[in-house]
Amino acid sequence: MLTPSLTTRTLGLTALAVLLNGVGNVLLKLGMQRVGEIRAFSPVALAAAAWQASTTGMVWLGVGVLALFFLCYLVLLSWADYSYIQPASAGGYAIVPLFGWLLAGEQVGALRWSGVVLISLGVVLVGRTCVRTSEGG
């Protein structure tokens, strides 16, 4: 039988992973705003953009936060079913527009907010199920 401690740990780490994913992606967005729009797709232009991105601290901070997200995600996959973790981590799709609006000054329209509400409802439904369908592992 599933122990409450596994459920609690899984829910807590999932929430942390969702937060790290959202923060990391917004940090990448803010870093790339400093780099500027990439308009040319030649190898030379892409190399120059990659160099500029690699020298932008906000991009590196985003990469670091996303690396922490990935570590949390790996641990979650060792604890719970993929069919639970993947939908539950979709909460990041709700966090990213919120952070984009709050931190990056993006305009988020009513239709997009409606989608965020639907995703959030789906995450709540998945979160109410068992995190693991087998005892082993």
Protein backbone atom coordinates (compact mmCIF):
# COMPACT_ATOMS: atom_id res chain seq x y z
CA MET A 1 0.00 0.00 0.00
CA LEU A 2 1.15 3.53 -0.74
CA THR A 3 2.54 5.33 2.27
CA PRO A 4 1.38 8.87 2.99
CA SER A 5 5.00 9.99 3.18
CA LEU A 6 5.57 9.07 -0.47
CA THR A 7 2.45 10.97 -1.49
CA THR A 8 3.45 14.00 0.57
CA ARG A 9 7.02 13.94 -0.75
CA THR A 10 5.79 13.53 -4.31
CA LEU A 11 3.31 16.40 -4.05
CA GLY A 12 5.91 18.66 -2.44
CA LEU A 13 8.63 17.87 -4.95
CA THR A 14 6.17 18.23 -7.83
CA ALA A 15 5.23 21.70 -6.58
CA LEU A 16 8.93 22.60 -6.31
CA ALA A 17 9.62 21.24 -9.80
CA VAL A 18 6.74 23.25 -11.26
CA LEU A 19 8.04 26.39 -9.56
CA LEU A 20 11.62 25.78 -10.73
CA ASN A 21 10.43 25.12 -14.28
CA GLY A 22 8.44 28.36 -14.37
CA VAL A 23 11.18 30.48 -12.82
CA GLY A 24 13.86 28.96 -15.05
CA ASN A 25 11.91 29.58 -18.23
CA VAL A 26 11.11 33.18 -17.28
CA LEU A 27 14.78 33.78 -16.46
CA LEU A 28 15.69 32.48 -19.92
CA LYS A 29 13.12 34.84 -21.44
CA LEU A 30 14.51 37.81 -19.52
CA GLY A 31 18.05 36.85 -20.50
CA MET A 32 17.14 36.55 -24.17
CA GLN A 33 15.43 39.95 -24.02
CA ARG A 34 18.87 41.31 -23.10
CA VAL A 35 20.44 39.45 -26.03
CA GLY A 36 17.83 40.82 -28.41
CA GLU A 37 15.81 39.37 -31.26
CA ILE A 38 17.56 36.85 -33.47
CA ARG A 39 16.74 37.91 -37.02
CA ALA A 40 19.25 36.03 -39.16
CA PHE A 41 19.61 32.26 -39.30
CA SER A 42 22.98 31.92 -40.99
CA PRO A 43 25.59 29.88 -39.11
CA VAL A 44 27.62 33.02 -38.39
CA ALA A 45 24.62 34.95 -37.05
CA LEU A 46 23.46 32.00 -34.93
CA ALA A 47 26.98 31.53 -33.54
CA ALA A 48 27.11 35.23 -32.63
CA ALA A 49 23.72 35.00 -30.91
CA ALA A 50 24.79 31.84 -29.07
CA TRP A 51 27.98 33.59 -27.92
CA GLN A 52 26.03 36.61 -26.70
CA ALA A 53 23.52 34.38 -24.88
CA SER A 54 26.36 32.41 -23.29
CA THR A 55 27.79 35.62 -21.84
CA THR A 56 24.47 36.76 -20.33
CA GLY A 57 24.16 36.03 -16.63
CA MET A 58 20.36 35.81 -16.68
CA VAL A 59 20.54 33.04 -19.29
CA TRP A 60 22.98 31.08 -17.12
CA LEU A 61 20.81 31.60 -14.07
CA GLY A 62 17.84 30.23 -16.04
CA VAL A 63 19.88 27.24 -17.17
CA GLY A 64 20.92 26.56 -13.56
CA VAL A 65 17.36 26.74 -12.28
CA LEU A 66 16.19 24.45 -15.10
CA ALA A 67 18.98 22.00 -14.19
CA LEU A 68 17.56 21.90 -10.65
CA PHE A 69 14.11 21.31 -12.16
CA PHE A 70 15.52 18.41 -14.17
CA LEU A 71 17.05 16.82 -11.04
CA CYS A 72 13.71 17.11 -9.23
CA TYR A 73 11.99 15.60 -12.26
CA LEU A 74 14.37 12.63 -12.26
CA VAL A 75 13.69 11.99 -8.58
CA LEU A 76 9.93 12.26 -9.18
CA LEU A 77 10.11 9.72 -11.99
CA SER A 78 11.84 7.30 -9.60
CA TRP A 79 9.06 7.76 -7.03
CA ALA A 80 5.83 7.85 -9.01
CA ASP A 81 4.15 6.83 -12.24
CA TYR A 82 4.98 8.78 -15.36
CA SER A 83 1.23 8.98 -16.03
CA TYR A 84 0.98 10.94 -12.77
CA ILE A 85 4.14 13.06 -12.93
CA GLN A 86 3.80 14.37 -16.47
CA PRO A 87 0.24 15.72 -16.10
CA ALA A 88 0.91 16.98 -12.56
CA SER A 89 3.99 18.87 -13.75
CA ALA A 90 1.82 20.57 -16.37
CA GLY A 91 1.15 23.10 -13.65
CA GLY A 92 4.18 24.82 -15.14
CA TYR A 93 2.00 25.75 -18.10
CA ALA A 94 -0.04 27.82 -15.66
CA ILE A 95 2.94 29.28 -13.80
CA VAL A 96 4.79 30.46 -16.92
CA PRO A 97 2.08 32.88 -18.16
CA LEU A 98 1.65 34.17 -14.61
CA PHE A 99 5.39 34.80 -14.21
CA GLY A 100 5.61 36.18 -17.75
CA TRP A 101 2.90 38.66 -16.88
CA LEU A 102 4.31 39.53 -13.45
CA LEU A 103 8.04 39.50 -14.16
CA ALA A 104 8.49 40.01 -17.90
CA GLY A 105 5.66 42.47 -18.45
CA GLU A 106 3.96 40.28 -21.04
CA GLN A 107 0.34 40.85 -21.98
CA VAL A 108 -1.75 37.72 -21.40
CA GLY A 109 -5.21 37.81 -22.95
CA ALA A 110 -8.47 36.36 -21.66
CA LEU A 111 -8.35 33.36 -23.99
CA ARG A 112 -4.90 32.39 -22.74
CA TRP A 113 -5.99 32.84 -19.11
CA SER A 114 -8.97 30.57 -19.88
CA GLY A 115 -6.53 27.92 -21.09
CA VAL A 116 -4.51 28.35 -17.89
CA VAL A 117 -7.67 27.73 -15.84
CA LEU A 118 -8.45 24.56 -17.82
CA ILE A 119 -4.89 23.26 -17.39
CA SER A 120 -5.06 24.02 -13.67
CA LEU A 121 -8.30 22.08 -13.33
CA GLY A 122 -6.67 19.12 -15.08
CA VAL A 123 -3.69 19.28 -12.74
CA VAL A 124 -6.04 19.29 -9.73
CA LEU A 125 -7.85 16.23 -11.08
CA VAL A 126 -4.59 14.34 -11.64
CA GLY A 127 -3.33 15.40 -8.22
CA ARG A 128 -6.31 13.69 -6.60
CA THR A 129 -5.25 10.27 -7.94
CA CYS A 130 -2.70 7.85 -6.49
CA VAL A 131 0.88 8.74 -7.36
CA ARG A 132 1.85 5.10 -7.91
CA THR A 133 -0.22 2.22 -9.19
CA SER A 134 2.24 -0.45 -8.05
CA GLU A 135 4.00 -1.08 -4.77
CA GLY A 136 7.38 -2.07 -6.20
CA GLY A 137 10.18 0.11 -7.40
